C-alpha atoms as a PDB file:
ATOM      1  CA  MET A   1     128.497 -96.664  82.086  1.00  0.00           C
ATOM      2  CA  MET A   2     131.390 -97.814  84.120  1.00  0.00           C
ATOM      3  CA  ARG A   3     130.765-100.408  86.949  1.00  0.00           C
ATOM      4  CA  ILE A   4     132.709-100.811  90.192  1.00  0.00           C
ATOM      5  CA  GLY A   5     132.455-103.530  92.631  1.00  0.00           C
ATOM      6  CA  ILE A   6     133.482-102.933  96.251  1.00  0.00           C
ATOM      7  CA  PHE A   7     134.936-105.797  98.334  1.00  0.00           C
ATOM      8  CA  ALA A   8     134.722-104.935 101.986  1.00  0.00           C
ATOM      9  CA  SER A   9     134.907-106.828 105.428  1.00  0.00           C
ATOM     10  CA  GLY A  10     134.020-103.939 107.881  1.00  0.00           C
ATOM     11  CA  THR A  11     132.182-100.665 108.515  1.00  0.00           C
ATOM     12  CA  GLY A  12     131.906 -99.672 105.078  1.00  0.00           C
ATOM     13  CA  SER A  13     133.170 -96.003 105.447  1.00  0.00           C
ATOM     14  CA  ASN A  14     135.348 -95.917 102.345  1.00  0.00           C
ATOM     15  CA  ALA A  15     132.401 -97.775 100.497  1.00  0.00           C
ATOM     16  CA  GLN A  16     130.104 -94.913 101.569  1.00  0.00           C
ATOM     17  CA  LYS A  17     132.501 -92.214 100.562  1.00  0.00           C
ATOM     18  CA  ILE A  18     132.906 -93.884  97.017  1.00  0.00           C
ATOM     19  CA  ILE A  19     129.230 -94.307  96.668  1.00  0.00           C
ATOM     20  CA  ASP A  20     128.601 -90.613  97.537  1.00  0.00           C
ATOM     21  CA  TYR A  21     131.560 -89.318  95.422  1.00  0.00           C
ATOM     22  CA  PHE A  22     130.123 -90.958  92.229  1.00  0.00           C
ATOM     23  CA  LYS A  23     126.586 -90.117  92.728  1.00  0.00           C
ATOM     24  CA  ASN A  24     127.302 -86.376  93.283  1.00  0.00           C
ATOM     25  CA  LYS A  25     130.296 -86.000  91.087  1.00  0.00           C
ATOM     26  CA  ASN A  26     130.335 -88.514  88.144  1.00  0.00           C
ATOM     27  CA  PRO A  27     126.901 -90.553  87.795  1.00  0.00           C
ATOM     28  CA  ASP A  28     128.514 -92.306  84.696  1.00  0.00           C
ATOM     29  CA  ILE A  29     130.462 -94.260  87.138  1.00  0.00           C
ATOM     30  CA  ILE A  30     128.233 -96.504  89.545  1.00  0.00           C
ATOM     31  CA  VAL A  31     129.029 -98.953  92.339  1.00  0.00           C
ATOM     32  CA  SER A  32     127.023-101.911  91.192  1.00  0.00           C
ATOM     33  CA  LEU A  33     127.896-104.728  93.688  1.00  0.00           C
ATOM     34  CA  ILE A  34     129.412-105.025  97.201  1.00  0.00           C
ATOM     35  CA  VAL A  35     131.094-108.240  98.067  1.00  0.00           C
ATOM     36  CA  CYS A  36     131.545-108.929 101.821  1.00  0.00           C
ATOM     37  CA  ASN A  37     132.894-111.839 103.835  1.00  0.00           C
ATOM     38  CA  ASN A  38     131.405-110.858 107.241  1.00  0.00           C
ATOM     39  CA  PRO A  39     127.945-111.162 107.956  1.00  0.00           C
ATOM     40  CA  ASN A  40     128.020-108.589 110.915  1.00  0.00           C
ATOM     41  CA  ALA A  41     129.718-105.978 108.676  1.00  0.00           C
ATOM     42  CA  LYS A  42     128.025-102.707 108.528  1.00  0.00           C
ATOM     43  CA  VAL A  43     129.052-102.477 104.737  1.00  0.00           C
ATOM     44  CA  LEU A  44     125.962-104.644 104.028  1.00  0.00           C
ATOM     45  CA  GLU A  45     123.780-101.913 105.559  1.00  0.00           C
ATOM     46  CA  VAL A  46     125.400 -99.314 103.345  1.00  0.00           C
ATOM     47  CA  ALA A  47     124.706-101.458 100.169  1.00  0.00           C
ATOM     48  CA  LYS A  48     121.199-101.972 101.302  1.00  0.00           C
ATOM     49  CA  LYS A  49     120.657 -98.190 102.100  1.00  0.00           C
ATOM     50  CA  HIS A  50     121.661 -97.389  98.510  1.00  0.00           C
ATOM     51  CA  GLY A  51     119.989-100.381  96.730  1.00  0.00           C
ATOM     52  CA  ILE A  52     123.231-101.848  95.669  1.00  0.00           C
ATOM     53  CA  LYS A  53     123.337-105.628  95.127  1.00  0.00           C
ATOM     54  CA  SER A  54     125.333-107.271  97.827  1.00  0.00           C
ATOM     55  CA  LEU A  55     126.899-110.785  98.009  1.00  0.00           C
ATOM     56  CA  LEU A  56     127.825-112.361 101.328  1.00  0.00           C
ATOM     57  CA  ILE A  57     130.463-114.979 100.665  1.00  0.00           C
ATOM     58  CA  THR A  58     131.979-117.900 102.337  1.00  0.00           C
ATOM     59  CA  LYS A  59     135.965-118.764 101.823  1.00  0.00           C
ATOM     60  CA  VAL A  60     134.825-121.751  99.854  1.00  0.00           C
ATOM     61  CA  GLU A  61     132.501-119.639  97.647  1.00  0.00           C
ATOM     62  CA  PHE A  62     135.179-117.035  97.216  1.00  0.00           C
ATOM     63  CA  ASN A  63     137.754-119.466  95.972  1.00  0.00           C
ATOM     64  CA  SER A  64     135.261-121.277  93.649  1.00  0.00           C
ATOM     65  CA  GLN A  65     135.012-120.983  89.723  1.00  0.00           C
ATOM     66  CA  GLU A  66     131.366-120.306  90.186  1.00  0.00           C
ATOM     67  CA  PHE A  67     132.089-116.905  91.902  1.00  0.00           C
ATOM     68  CA  LEU A  68     134.610-116.086  89.352  1.00  0.00           C
ATOM     69  CA  HIS A  69     132.215-116.937  86.644  1.00  0.00           C
ATOM     70  CA  THR A  70     129.420-114.575  88.148  1.00  0.00           C
ATOM     71  CA  LEU A  71     131.898-111.660  88.394  1.00  0.00           C
ATOM     72  CA  GLU A  72     133.123-112.250  84.957  1.00  0.00           C
ATOM     73  CA  ASN A  73     129.760-112.831  83.066  1.00  0.00           C
ATOM     74  CA  HIS A  74     126.966-111.293  85.357  1.00  0.00           C
ATOM     75  CA  ALA A  75     128.333-108.382  87.262  1.00  0.00           C
ATOM     76  CA  LYS A  76     130.632-107.037  84.152  1.00  0.00           C
ATOM     77  CA  LEU A  77     132.778-105.077  86.571  1.00  0.00           C
ATOM     78  CA  ASP A  78     135.236-102.499  85.214  1.00  0.00           C
ATOM     79  CA  LEU A  79     137.091-102.307  88.349  1.00  0.00           C
ATOM     80  CA  ILE A  80     137.291-104.186  91.539  1.00  0.00           C
ATOM     81  CA  VAL A  81     138.079-101.992  94.631  1.00  0.00           C
ATOM     82  CA  LEU A  82     139.204-103.543  97.856  1.00  0.00           C
ATOM     83  CA  ALA A  83     138.089-101.454 100.840  1.00  0.00           C
ATOM     84  CA  GLY A  84     139.148-103.146 103.982  1.00  0.00           C
ATOM     85  CA  PHE A  85     138.775-106.658 102.567  1.00  0.00           C
ATOM     86  CA  LEU A  86     140.699-108.841 104.717  1.00  0.00           C
ATOM     87  CA  TRP A  87     141.257-112.079 102.458  1.00  0.00           C
ATOM     88  CA  LEU A  88     144.185-112.762 100.066  1.00  0.00           C
ATOM     89  CA  ILE A  89     142.700-112.661  96.432  1.00  0.00           C
ATOM     90  CA  PRO A  90     143.252-116.017  94.637  1.00  0.00           C
ATOM     91  CA  LYS A  91     145.775-116.285  91.937  1.00  0.00           C
ATOM     92  CA  GLU A  92     143.164-117.428  89.223  1.00  0.00           C
ATOM     93  CA  PHE A  93     141.112-114.278  90.221  1.00  0.00           C
ATOM     94  CA  ILE A  94     144.023-111.908  89.812  1.00  0.00           C
ATOM     95  CA  ARG A  95     144.698-113.592  86.312  1.00  0.00           C
ATOM     96  CA  LYS A  96     141.129-113.022  85.200  1.00  0.00           C
ATOM     97  CA  PHE A  97     141.147-109.482  86.437  1.00  0.00           C
ATOM     98  CA  LYS A  98     144.625-108.328  86.017  1.00  0.00           C
ATOM     99  CA  GLY A  99     145.127-104.579  86.084  1.00  0.00           C
ATOM    100  CA  LYS A 100     141.459-104.401  87.399  1.00  0.00           C
ATOM    101  CA  ILE A 101     141.793-104.956  91.171  1.00  0.00           C
ATOM    102  CA  ILE A 102     142.963-102.210  93.482  1.00  0.00           C
ATOM    103  CA  ASN A 103     143.574-101.833  97.065  1.00  0.00           C
ATOM    104  CA  ILE A 104     144.068 -99.128  99.685  1.00  0.00           C
ATOM    105  CA  HIS A 105     146.577 -99.586 102.519  1.00  0.00           C
ATOM    106  CA  PRO A 106     146.702 -97.410 105.695  1.00  0.00           C
ATOM    107  CA  ALA A 107     150.348 -96.796 105.629  1.00  0.00           C
ATOM    108  CA  LEU A 108     153.087 -96.069 103.088  1.00  0.00           C
ATOM    109  CA  LEU A 109     154.174 -99.350 101.331  1.00  0.00           C
ATOM    110  CA  PRO A 110     156.259-101.175 101.070  1.00  0.00           C
ATOM    111  CA  GLY A 111     156.667-100.511 104.840  1.00  0.00           C
ATOM    112  CA  PHE A 112     154.070-101.733 107.332  1.00  0.00           C
ATOM    113  CA  GLY A 113     152.334-104.103 104.906  1.00  0.00           C
ATOM    114  CA  GLY A 114     151.780-107.792 104.521  1.00  0.00           C
ATOM    115  CA  LYS A 115     149.772-110.562 106.126  1.00  0.00           C
ATOM    116  CA  GLY A 116     148.118-109.356 109.532  1.00  0.00           C
ATOM    117  CA  MET A 117     148.812-105.661 108.811  1.00  0.00           C
ATOM    118  CA  TYR A 118     145.618-103.986 108.550  1.00  0.00           C
ATOM    119  CA  GLY A 119     143.484-101.597 110.974  1.00  0.00           C
ATOM    120  CA  MET A 120     145.040-100.577 114.210  1.00  0.00           C
ATOM    121  CA  ALA A 121     147.898-103.050 113.810  1.00  0.00           C
ATOM    122  CA  VAL A 122     149.367-100.812 111.170  1.00  0.00           C
ATOM    123  CA  HIS A 123     148.831 -97.703 113.218  1.00  0.00           C
ATOM    124  CA  LYS A 124     150.493 -99.251 116.246  1.00  0.00           C
ATOM    125  CA  ALA A 125     153.500-100.456 114.368  1.00  0.00           C
ATOM    126  CA  VAL A 126     153.956 -96.972 112.687  1.00  0.00           C
ATOM    127  CA  LYS A 127     153.767 -95.224 116.035  1.00  0.00           C
ATOM    128  CA  GLU A 128     156.236 -97.645 117.682  1.00  0.00           C
ATOM    129  CA  SER A 129     158.610 -97.397 114.754  1.00  0.00           C
ATOM    130  CA  GLY A 130     159.264 -93.508 115.553  1.00  0.00           C
ATOM    131  CA  ASN A 131     158.709 -92.661 111.915  1.00  0.00           C
ATOM    132  CA  LYS A 132     157.761 -88.956 111.627  1.00  0.00           C
ATOM    133  CA  GLU A 133     155.408 -89.480 108.728  1.00  0.00           C
ATOM    134  CA  THR A 134     152.758 -92.161 107.613  1.00  0.00           C
ATOM    135  CA  GLY A 135     150.168 -92.051 104.874  1.00  0.00           C
ATOM    136  CA  ILE A 136     148.075 -94.062 102.428  1.00  0.00           C
ATOM    137  CA  THR A 137     149.093 -96.365  99.475  1.00  0.00           C
ATOM    138  CA  ILE A 138     146.529 -97.260  96.744  1.00  0.00           C
ATOM    139  CA  HIS A 139     148.113-100.087  94.608  1.00  0.00           C
ATOM    140  CA  TYR A 140     147.165-102.853  92.124  1.00  0.00           C
ATOM    141  CA  VAL A 141     146.593-106.246  93.813  1.00  0.00           C
ATOM    142  CA  ASN A 142     148.823-109.085  92.911  1.00  0.00           C
ATOM    143  CA  GLU A 143     149.031-112.651  94.541  1.00  0.00           C
ATOM    144  CA  ASN A 144     150.778-111.266  97.716  1.00  0.00           C
ATOM    145  CA  PHE A 145     149.539-108.965 100.310  1.00  0.00           C
ATOM    146  CA  ASP A 146     150.388-105.400  99.782  1.00  0.00           C
ATOM    147  CA  GLU A 147     152.971-106.038  97.214  1.00  0.00           C
ATOM    148  CA  GLY A 148     151.185-104.705  94.010  1.00  0.00           C
ATOM    149  CA  GLU A 149     152.439-101.966  91.995  1.00  0.00           C
ATOM    150  CA  ILE A 150     151.992 -98.524  93.701  1.00  0.00           C
ATOM    151  CA  ILE A 151     149.426 -96.307  91.897  1.00  0.00           C
ATOM    152  CA  PHE A 152     149.562 -93.460  94.382  1.00  0.00           C
ATOM    153  CA  GLN A 153     150.567 -92.321  97.851  1.00  0.00           C
ATOM    154  CA  ALA A 154     149.851 -89.627 100.285  1.00  0.00           C
ATOM    155  CA  LYS A 155     151.687 -88.671 103.330  1.00  0.00           C
ATOM    156  CA  CYS A 156     150.752 -86.810 106.681  1.00  0.00           C
ATOM    157  CA  SER A 157     153.164 -86.193 109.677  1.00  0.00           C
ATOM    158  CA  ILE A 158     153.219 -87.867 112.869  1.00  0.00           C
ATOM    159  CA  LYS A 159     153.454 -85.659 116.048  1.00  0.00           C
ATOM    160  CA  GLU A 160     154.969 -86.752 119.158  1.00  0.00           C
ATOM    161  CA  LYS A 161     151.543 -86.522 120.936  1.00  0.00           C
ATOM    162  CA  ASP A 162     149.880 -88.735 118.138  1.00  0.00           C
ATOM    163  CA  THR A 163     148.534 -91.995 119.299  1.00  0.00           C
ATOM    164  CA  PRO A 164     147.621 -95.074 117.073  1.00  0.00           C
ATOM    165  CA  GLU A 165     144.117 -93.876 117.317  1.00  0.00           C
ATOM    166  CA  SER A 166     144.799 -90.292 116.310  1.00  0.00           C
ATOM    167  CA  ILE A 167     146.978 -91.659 113.453  1.00  0.00           C
ATOM    168  CA  ALA A 168     144.082 -93.838 112.420  1.00  0.00           C
ATOM    169  CA  LEU A 169     141.843 -90.790 112.054  1.00  0.00           C
ATOM    170  CA  LYS A 170     144.286 -88.853 110.028  1.00  0.00           C
ATOM    171  CA  ILE A 171     144.581 -91.868 107.607  1.00  0.00           C
ATOM    172  CA  GLN A 172     140.824 -92.302 107.306  1.00  0.00           C
ATOM    173  CA  LYS A 173     140.406 -88.723 106.195  1.00  0.00           C
ATOM    174  CA  MET A 174     143.228 -89.188 103.809  1.00  0.00           C
ATOM    175  CA  GLU A 175     141.536 -92.486 102.462  1.00  0.00           C
ATOM    176  CA  HIS A 176     138.106 -90.806 101.906  1.00  0.00           C
ATOM    177  CA  LYS A 177     139.650 -87.861 100.197  1.00  0.00           C
ATOM    178  CA  HIS A 178     141.909 -89.818  97.824  1.00  0.00           C
ATOM    179  CA  TYR A 179     140.434 -93.040  96.984  1.00  0.00           C
ATOM    180  CA  PRO A 180     137.332 -91.932  95.070  1.00  0.00           C
ATOM    181  CA  ARG A 181     139.521 -89.683  92.984  1.00  0.00           C
ATOM    182  CA  ILE A 182     141.917 -92.335  92.110  1.00  0.00           C
ATOM    183  CA  ILE A 183     139.346 -94.841  91.302  1.00  0.00           C
ATOM    184  CA  GLU A 184     137.861 -92.064  88.840  1.00  0.00           C
ATOM    185  CA  SER A 185     141.128 -91.828  87.240  1.00  0.00           C
ATOM    186  CA  LEU A 186     141.287 -95.383  86.584  1.00  0.00           C
ATOM    187  CA  VAL A 187     138.187 -96.216  84.951  1.00  0.00           C
END
């Protein structure tokens, strides 16, 4: 049995797709923990609905040795999946889980990444750039935002009539299609 922990800060749409994918296609892989830093995030409802343990953490707790110890010795995670998690992962955390933390970014890195580049800000920047394509990037996490080794990218075209909102919908469909499959290939 392979155990995945999902770290999320928002709606949990990727978390929901990942949970559904493994329940239906590969029950040997389970989402055993959801970590969240936002008490109003809908991802906490996703965890509750599926009976998955969730941890609501503060910045102080997230940066503590105790939290790291809990993940290492109690959660026993094979992979940590960031799905809209908006905090930078501490260096100590990255050292302990080297090669076991991945993230999905709603653009083609190395462009349109870095601090503050998440959600609609990314899609607005992509549209304003005049680029004719965008996509998703799944990458390993290092100590900097969106700079880890790229695992997978998928592209889609941007039409003249596209808006940041329509681009966001295209990207979300791609995330839901590819993220679970790439996770499965890594565990």
